[in-house]
PDB file of all heavy atoms in Angstrom:
ATOM      1  N   GLU A   1       0.763  -1.221  -0.002  1.00  0.00           N
ATOM      2  CA  GLU A   1      -0.020  -0.023  -0.059  1.00  0.00           C
ATOM      3  C   GLU A   1       0.853   1.279   0.026  1.00  0.00           C
ATOM      4  O   GLU A   1       0.508   2.241  -0.727  1.00  0.00           O
ATOM      5  CB  GLU A   1      -0.990  -0.003   1.218  1.00  0.00           C
ATOM      6  CG  GLU A   1      -2.036  -1.005   1.162  1.00  0.00           C
ATOM      7  CD  GLU A   1      -2.916  -1.066   2.297  1.00  0.00           C
ATOM      8  OE1 GLU A   1      -2.627  -0.356   3.384  1.00  0.00           O
ATOM      9  OE2 GLU A   1      -3.885  -1.850   2.397  1.00  0.00           O
ATOM     10  N   LYS A   2       1.929   1.320   0.801  1.00  0.00           N
ATOM     11  CA  LYS A   2       2.695   2.549   0.935  1.00  0.00           C
ATOM     12  C   LYS A   2       3.838   2.696  -0.101  1.00  0.00           C
ATOM     13  O   LYS A   2       4.038   3.758  -0.539  1.00  0.00           O
ATOM     14  CB  LYS A   2       3.259   2.539   2.443  1.00  0.00           C
ATOM     15  CG  LYS A   2       3.958   3.828   2.821  1.00  0.00           C
ATOM     16  CD  LYS A   2       4.373   3.856   4.233  1.00  0.00           C
ATOM     17  CE  LYS A   2       5.045   5.129   4.645  1.00  0.00           C
ATOM     18  NZ  LYS A   2       5.391   5.065   6.068  1.00  0.00           N
ATOM     19  N   PHE A   3       4.399   1.570  -0.484  1.00  0.00           N
ATOM     20  CA  PHE A   3       5.634   1.668  -1.320  1.00  0.00           C
ATOM     21  C   PHE A   3       5.378   0.982  -2.660  1.00  0.00           C
ATOM     22  O   PHE A   3       6.223   1.136  -3.586  1.00  0.00           O
ATOM     23  CB  PHE A   3       6.808   0.920  -0.734  1.00  0.00           C
ATOM     24  CG  PHE A   3       7.083   1.412   0.660  1.00  0.00           C
ATOM     25  CD1 PHE A   3       7.253   0.481   1.709  1.00  0.00           C
ATOM     26  CD2 PHE A   3       7.254   2.784   0.998  1.00  0.00           C
ATOM     27  CE1 PHE A   3       7.534   0.910   3.049  1.00  0.00           C
ATOM     28  CE2 PHE A   3       7.523   3.117   2.323  1.00  0.00           C
ATOM     29  CZ  PHE A   3       7.676   2.219   3.279  1.00  0.00           C
ATOM     30  N   GLY A   4       4.200   0.414  -2.896  1.00  0.00           N
ATOM     31  CA  GLY A   4       3.973  -0.258  -4.198  1.00  0.00           C
ATOM     32  C   GLY A   4       4.832  -1.369  -4.442  1.00  0.00           C
ATOM     33  O   GLY A   4       5.198  -1.722  -5.602  1.00  0.00           O
ATOM     34  N   ALA A   5       5.344  -2.080  -3.343  1.00  0.00           N
ATOM     35  CA  ALA A   5       6.266  -3.162  -3.483  1.00  0.00           C
ATOM     36  C   ALA A   5       5.639  -4.384  -4.153  1.00  0.00           C
ATOM     37  O   ALA A   5       4.504  -4.788  -3.833  1.00  0.00           O
ATOM     38  CB  ALA A   5       6.844  -3.527  -2.071  1.00  0.00           C
ATOM     39  N   THR A   6       6.337  -5.009  -4.988  1.00  0.00           N
ATOM     40  CA  THR A   6       5.883  -6.212  -5.637  1.00  0.00           C
ATOM     41  C   THR A   6       5.978  -7.422  -4.647  1.00  0.00           C
ATOM     42  O   THR A   6       6.586  -7.305  -3.538  1.00  0.00           O
ATOM     43  CB  THR A   6       6.683  -6.604  -6.847  1.00  0.00           C
ATOM     44  OG1 THR A   6       8.068  -6.749  -6.572  1.00  0.00           O
ATOM     45  CG2 THR A   6       6.588  -5.456  -7.887  1.00  0.00           C
ATOM     46  N   ALA A   7       5.505  -8.535  -4.971  1.00  0.00           N
ATOM     47  CA  ALA A   7       5.474  -9.759  -4.128  1.00  0.00           C
ATOM     48  C   ALA A   7       6.845 -10.190  -3.787  1.00  0.00           C
ATOM     49  O   ALA A   7       7.243 -10.519  -2.581  1.00  0.00           O
ATOM     50  CB  ALA A   7       4.634 -10.920  -4.820  1.00  0.00           C
ATOM     51  N   TRP A   8       7.778 -10.191  -4.838  1.00  0.00           N
ATOM     52  CA  TRP A   8       9.204 -10.643  -4.501  1.00  0.00           C
ATOM     53  C   TRP A   8       9.913  -9.624  -3.639  1.00  0.00           C
ATOM     54  O   TRP A   8      10.794  -9.947  -2.840  1.00  0.00           O
ATOM     55  CB  TRP A   8       9.930 -10.937  -5.785  1.00  0.00           C
ATOM     56  CG  TRP A   8      10.311  -9.746  -6.528  1.00  0.00           C
ATOM     57  CD1 TRP A   8       9.595  -9.080  -7.593  1.00  0.00           C
ATOM     58  CD2 TRP A   8      11.549  -9.021  -6.448  1.00  0.00           C
ATOM     59  NE1 TRP A   8      10.296  -8.028  -8.051  1.00  0.00           N
ATOM     60  CE2 TRP A   8      11.538  -7.836  -7.486  1.00  0.00           C
ATOM     61  CE3 TRP A   8      12.647  -9.128  -5.610  1.00  0.00           C
ATOM     62  CZ2 TRP A   8      12.479  -7.011  -7.439  1.00  0.00           C
ATOM     63  CZ3 TRP A   8      13.682  -8.164  -5.773  1.00  0.00           C
ATOM     64  CH2 TRP A   8      13.633  -7.137  -6.703  1.00  0.00           C
ATOM     65  N   GLN A   9       9.603  -8.388  -3.732  1.00  0.00           N
ATOM     66  CA  GLN A   9      10.240  -7.320  -2.940  1.00  0.00           C
ATOM     67  C   GLN A   9       9.651  -7.567  -1.433  1.00  0.00           C
ATOM     68  O   GLN A   9      10.499  -7.341  -0.528  1.00  0.00           O
ATOM     69  CB  GLN A   9       9.885  -5.949  -3.357  1.00  0.00           C
ATOM     70  CG  GLN A   9      10.616  -5.551  -4.728  1.00  0.00           C
ATOM     71  CD  GLN A   9      10.116  -4.276  -5.275  1.00  0.00           C
ATOM     72  OE1 GLN A   9       8.851  -4.021  -5.188  1.00  0.00           O
ATOM     73  NE2 GLN A   9      11.074  -3.500  -5.856  1.00  0.00           N
ATOM     74  N   GLN A  10       8.486  -7.831  -1.319  1.00  0.00           N
ATOM     75  CA  GLN A  10       7.948  -8.052   0.064  1.00  0.00           C
ATOM     76  C   GLN A  10       8.621  -9.227   0.653  1.00  0.00           C
ATOM     77  O   GLN A  10       9.021  -9.293   1.909  1.00  0.00           O
ATOM     78  CB  GLN A  10       6.419  -8.301  -0.026  1.00  0.00           C
ATOM     79  CG  GLN A  10       5.687  -7.018  -0.490  1.00  0.00           C
ATOM     80  CD  GLN A  10       4.278  -7.363  -0.832  1.00  0.00           C
ATOM     81  OE1 GLN A  10       3.692  -8.404  -0.448  1.00  0.00           O
ATOM     82  NE2 GLN A  10       3.584  -6.570  -1.729  1.00  0.00           N
ATOM     83  N   GLY A  11       8.794 -10.381  -0.070  1.00  0.00           N
ATOM     84  CA  GLY A  11       9.488 -11.530   0.450  1.00  0.00           C
ATOM     85  C   GLY A  11      10.895 -11.299   0.684  1.00  0.00           C
ATOM     86  O   GLY A  11      11.459 -11.759   1.753  1.00  0.00           O
ATOM     87  N   LEU A  12      11.518 -10.504  -0.088  1.00  0.00           N
ATOM     88  CA  LEU A  12      12.945 -10.234  -0.023  1.00  0.00           C
ATOM     89  C   LEU A  12      13.260  -9.471   1.240  1.00  0.00           C
ATOM     90  O   LEU A  12      14.294  -9.503   1.819  1.00  0.00           O
ATOM     91  CB  LEU A  12      13.531  -9.532  -1.286  1.00  0.00           C
ATOM     92  CG  LEU A  12      15.015  -9.504  -1.458  1.00  0.00           C
ATOM     93  CD1 LEU A  12      15.504 -10.889  -1.560  1.00  0.00           C
ATOM     94  CD2 LEU A  12      15.358  -8.709  -2.761  1.00  0.00           C
ATOM     95  N   SER A  13      12.275  -8.629   1.680  1.00  0.00           N
ATOM     96  CA  SER A  13      12.506  -7.820   2.855  1.00  0.00           C
ATOM     97  C   SER A  13      12.784  -8.715   4.027  1.00  0.00           C
ATOM     98  O   SER A  13      13.515  -8.206   5.032  1.00  0.00           O
ATOM     99  CB  SER A  13      11.315  -6.832   3.105  1.00  0.00           C
ATOM    100  OG  SER A  13      10.197  -7.592   3.428  1.00  0.00           O
ATOM    101  N   PHE A  14      12.155  -9.836   4.173  1.00  0.00           N
ATOM    102  CA  PHE A  14      12.299 -10.653   5.328  1.00  0.00           C
ATOM    103  C   PHE A  14      13.700 -11.460   5.296  1.00  0.00           C
ATOM    104  O   PHE A  14      14.161 -11.931   6.329  1.00  0.00           O
ATOM    105  CB  PHE A  14      11.132 -11.713   5.377  1.00  0.00           C
ATOM    106  CG  PHE A  14       9.839 -11.107   5.728  1.00  0.00           C
ATOM    107  CD1 PHE A  14       8.930 -10.810   4.890  1.00  0.00           C
ATOM    108  CD2 PHE A  14       9.657 -10.779   7.145  1.00  0.00           C
ATOM    109  CE1 PHE A  14       7.787 -10.151   5.252  1.00  0.00           C
ATOM    110  CE2 PHE A  14       8.557 -10.176   7.537  1.00  0.00           C
ATOM    111  CZ  PHE A  14       7.536  -9.915   6.649  1.00  0.00           C
ATOM    112  N   VAL A  15      14.407 -11.408   4.063  1.00  0.00           N
ATOM    113  CA  VAL A  15      15.784 -11.946   4.102  1.00  0.00           C
ATOM    114  C   VAL A  15      16.664 -11.125   4.923  1.00  0.00           C
ATOM    115  O   VAL A  15      17.618 -11.650   5.473  1.00  0.00           O
ATOM    116  CB  VAL A  15      16.204 -12.092   2.580  1.00  0.00           C
ATOM    117  CG1 VAL A  15      17.638 -12.426   2.520  1.00  0.00           C
ATOM    118  CG2 VAL A  15      15.391 -12.981   1.792  1.00  0.00           C
ATOM    119  N   SER A  16      16.343  -9.868   5.066  1.00  0.00           N
ATOM    120  CA  SER A  16      17.254  -8.949   5.853  1.00  0.00           C
ATOM    121  C   SER A  16      17.251  -9.377   7.376  1.00  0.00           C
ATOM    122  O   SER A  16      18.101  -8.860   8.129  1.00  0.00           O
ATOM    123  CB  SER A  16      16.869  -7.539   5.651  1.00  0.00           C
ATOM    124  OG  SER A  16      15.542  -7.288   6.140  1.00  0.00           O
ATOM    125  N   MET A  17      16.380 -10.224   7.747  1.00  0.00           N
ATOM    126  CA  MET A  17      16.264 -10.707   9.149  1.00  0.00           C
ATOM    127  C   MET A  17      17.130 -11.920   9.281  1.00  0.00           C
ATOM    128  O   MET A  17      17.585 -12.259  10.411  1.00  0.00           O
ATOM    129  CB  MET A  17      14.881 -10.979   9.633  1.00  0.00           C
ATOM    130  CG  MET A  17      13.983  -9.789   9.640  1.00  0.00           C
ATOM    131  SD  MET A  17      12.277 -10.198  10.120  1.00  0.00           S
ATOM    132  CE  MET A  17      12.540 -10.616  11.796  1.00  0.00           C
ATOM    133  N   THR A  18      17.324 -12.684   8.226  1.00  0.00           N
ATOM    134  CA  THR A  18      17.883 -14.037   8.313  1.00  0.00           C
ATOM    135  C   THR A  18      19.419 -14.064   8.785  1.00  0.00           C
ATOM    136  O   THR A  18      19.687 -14.723   9.751  1.00  0.00           O
ATOM    137  CB  THR A  18      17.866 -14.806   7.039  1.00  0.00           C
ATOM    138  OG1 THR A  18      16.364 -14.726   6.648  1.00  0.00           O
ATOM    139  CG2 THR A  18      18.262 -16.251   7.171  1.00  0.00           C
ATOM    140  N   LEU A  19      20.242 -13.407   8.097  1.00  0.00           N
ATOM    141  CA  LEU A  19      21.622 -13.234   8.351  1.00  0.00           C
ATOM    142  C   LEU A  19      21.919 -12.729   9.727  1.00  0.00           C
ATOM    143  O   LEU A  19      22.710 -13.328  10.579  1.00  0.00           O
ATOM    144  CB  LEU A  19      22.425 -12.466   7.344  1.00  0.00           C
ATOM    145  CG  LEU A  19      23.872 -12.481   7.494  1.00  0.00           C
ATOM    146  CD1 LEU A  19      24.546 -13.904   7.535  1.00  0.00           C
ATOM    147  CD2 LEU A  19      24.511 -11.670   6.472  1.00  0.00           C
ATOM    148  N   PRO A  20      21.235 -11.580  10.162  1.00  0.00           N
ATOM    149  CA  PRO A  20      21.455 -11.098  11.514  1.00  0.00           C
ATOM    150  C   PRO A  20      20.922 -12.091  12.602  1.00  0.00           C
ATOM    151  O   PRO A  20      21.527 -12.214  13.703  1.00  0.00           O
ATOM    152  CB  PRO A  20      20.641  -9.884  11.596  1.00  0.00           C
ATOM    153  CG  PRO A  20      20.586  -9.415  10.167  1.00  0.00           C
ATOM    154  CD  PRO A  20      20.563 -10.624   9.374  1.00  0.00           C
ATOM    155  N   TYR A  21      19.941 -12.832  12.249  1.00  0.00           N
ATOM    156  CA  TYR A  21      19.439 -13.969  13.196  1.00  0.00           C
ATOM    157  C   TYR A  21      20.541 -14.932  13.441  1.00  0.00           C
ATOM    158  O   TYR A  21      20.890 -15.340  14.569  1.00  0.00           O
ATOM    159  CB  TYR A  21      18.253 -14.560  12.727  1.00  0.00           C
ATOM    160  CG  TYR A  21      17.782 -15.734  13.639  1.00  0.00           C
ATOM    161  CD1 TYR A  21      17.007 -15.425  14.816  1.00  0.00           C
ATOM    162  CD2 TYR A  21      18.051 -17.020  13.331  1.00  0.00           C
ATOM    163  CE1 TYR A  21      16.567 -16.436  15.604  1.00  0.00           C
ATOM    164  CE2 TYR A  21      17.609 -18.053  14.120  1.00  0.00           C
ATOM    165  CZ  TYR A  21      16.871 -17.776  15.276  1.00  0.00           C
ATOM    166  OH  TYR A  21      16.522 -18.817  16.128  1.00  0.00           O
ATOM    167  N   VAL A  22      21.198 -15.447  12.340  1.00  0.00           N
ATOM    168  CA  VAL A  22      22.287 -16.403  12.400  1.00  0.00           C
ATOM    169  C   VAL A  22      23.392 -15.823  13.253  1.00  0.00           C
ATOM    170  O   VAL A  22      23.992 -16.486  14.121  1.00  0.00           O
ATOM    171  CB  VAL A  22      22.632 -16.826  11.037  1.00  0.00           C
ATOM    172  CG1 VAL A  22      23.954 -17.721  11.145  1.00  0.00           C
ATOM    173  CG2 VAL A  22      21.548 -17.661  10.294  1.00  0.00           C
ATOM    174  N   VAL A  23      23.755 -14.589  12.914  1.00  0.00           N
ATOM    175  CA  VAL A  23      24.827 -13.937  13.695  1.00  0.00           C
ATOM    176  C   VAL A  23      24.514 -13.848  15.131  1.00  0.00           C
ATOM    177  O   VAL A  23      25.345 -14.082  16.024  1.00  0.00           O
ATOM    178  CB  VAL A  23      25.205 -12.529  13.033  1.00  0.00           C
ATOM    179  CG1 VAL A  23      26.223 -11.751  13.913  1.00  0.00           C
ATOM    180  CG2 VAL A  23      25.850 -12.778  11.660  1.00  0.00           C
ATOM    181  N   GLY A  24      23.284 -13.415  15.444  1.00  0.00           N
ATOM    182  CA  GLY A  24      22.820 -13.293  16.792  1.00  0.00           C
ATOM    183  C   GLY A  24      22.901 -14.507  17.618  1.00  0.00           C
ATOM    184  O   GLY A  24      23.366 -14.554  18.728  1.00  0.00           O
ATOM    185  N   THR A  25      22.372 -15.569  17.042  1.00  0.00           N
ATOM    186  CA  THR A  25      22.394 -16.859  17.748  1.00  0.00           C
ATOM    187  C   THR A  25      23.921 -17.332  17.852  1.00  0.00           C
ATOM    188  O   THR A  25      24.246 -17.913  18.932  1.00  0.00           O
ATOM    189  CB  THR A  25      21.576 -17.899  17.022  1.00  0.00           C
ATOM    190  OG1 THR A  25      22.044 -18.028  15.579  1.00  0.00           O
ATOM    191  CG2 THR A  25      20.066 -17.659  17.036  1.00  0.00           C
TER     192      THR A  25
END
């Protein structure tokens, strides 16, 4: 709604959590 992001951009945004999660654990 706010940025007009496509489905792959929406999914890709959650990838930014994965590497920091691995580093944090």
